[in-house]
Amino acid sequence: MFETLMFFQLNFQCMITYGLF
């Protein structure tokens, strides 16, 4: 479950990065 949260957080961060650019 912890790994899933980490993966989700990474995806969310990537989405924010792509959203800014």
N, C-alpha and C. Protein backbone atom coordinates (compact mmCIF):
# COMPACT_ATOMS: atom_id res chain seq x y z
N MET A 1 0.84 -1.21 0.00
CA MET A 1 0.00 0.00 0.00
C MET A 1 0.88 1.26 0.00
N PHE A 2 1.95 1.23 0.77
CA PHE A 2 2.85 2.39 0.82
C PHE A 2 3.44 2.65 -0.56
N GLU A 3 3.85 1.57 -1.25
CA GLU A 3 4.44 1.74 -2.59
C GLU A 3 3.42 2.37 -3.53
N THR A 4 2.15 1.95 -3.40
CA THR A 4 1.11 2.52 -4.27
C THR A 4 0.97 4.02 -4.02
N LEU A 5 1.04 4.42 -2.75
CA LEU A 5 0.94 5.85 -2.44
C LEU A 5 2.11 6.61 -3.05
N MET A 6 3.30 6.04 -2.95
CA MET A 6 4.48 6.68 -3.52
C MET A 6 4.32 6.83 -5.03
N PHE A 7 3.85 5.76 -5.70
CA PHE A 7 3.66 5.79 -7.15
C PHE A 7 2.63 6.85 -7.52
N PHE A 8 1.53 6.93 -6.75
CA PHE A 8 0.49 7.91 -7.02
C PHE A 8 1.04 9.32 -6.85
N GLN A 9 1.87 9.51 -5.81
CA GLN A 9 2.45 10.83 -5.56
C GLN A 9 3.36 11.23 -6.72
N LEU A 10 4.14 10.27 -7.24
CA LEU A 10 5.02 10.56 -8.36
C LEU A 10 4.20 10.96 -9.58
N ASN A 11 3.12 10.22 -9.85
CA ASN A 11 2.26 10.55 -10.99
C ASN A 11 1.67 11.94 -10.82
N PHE A 12 1.22 12.26 -9.61
CA PHE A 12 0.63 13.57 -9.35
C PHE A 12 1.66 14.67 -9.58
N GLN A 13 2.89 14.44 -9.12
CA GLN A 13 3.95 15.44 -9.30
C GLN A 13 4.24 15.64 -10.78
N CYS A 14 4.26 14.53 -11.54
CA CYS A 14 4.51 14.62 -12.99
C CYS A 14 3.40 15.42 -13.65
N MET A 15 2.15 15.18 -13.24
CA MET A 15 1.02 15.91 -13.81
C MET A 15 1.16 17.40 -13.55
N ILE A 16 1.58 17.76 -12.36
CA ILE A 16 1.75 19.18 -12.01
C ILE A 16 2.87 19.78 -12.88
N THR A 17 3.96 19.01 -13.03
CA THR A 17 5.08 19.51 -13.84
C THR A 17 4.65 19.73 -15.28
N TYR A 18 3.93 18.77 -15.84
CA TYR A 18 3.47 18.91 -17.23
C TYR A 18 2.44 20.03 -17.33
N GLY A 19 1.64 20.20 -16.28
CA GLY A 19 0.62 21.25 -16.30
C GLY A 19 1.26 22.65 -16.31
N LEU A 20 2.39 22.80 -15.59
CA LEU A 20 3.05 24.10 -15.55
C LEU A 20 3.62 24.45 -16.92
N PHE A 21 4.17 23.45 -17.61
CA PHE A 21 4.80 23.73 -18.91
C PHE A 21 3.83 23.50 -20.05
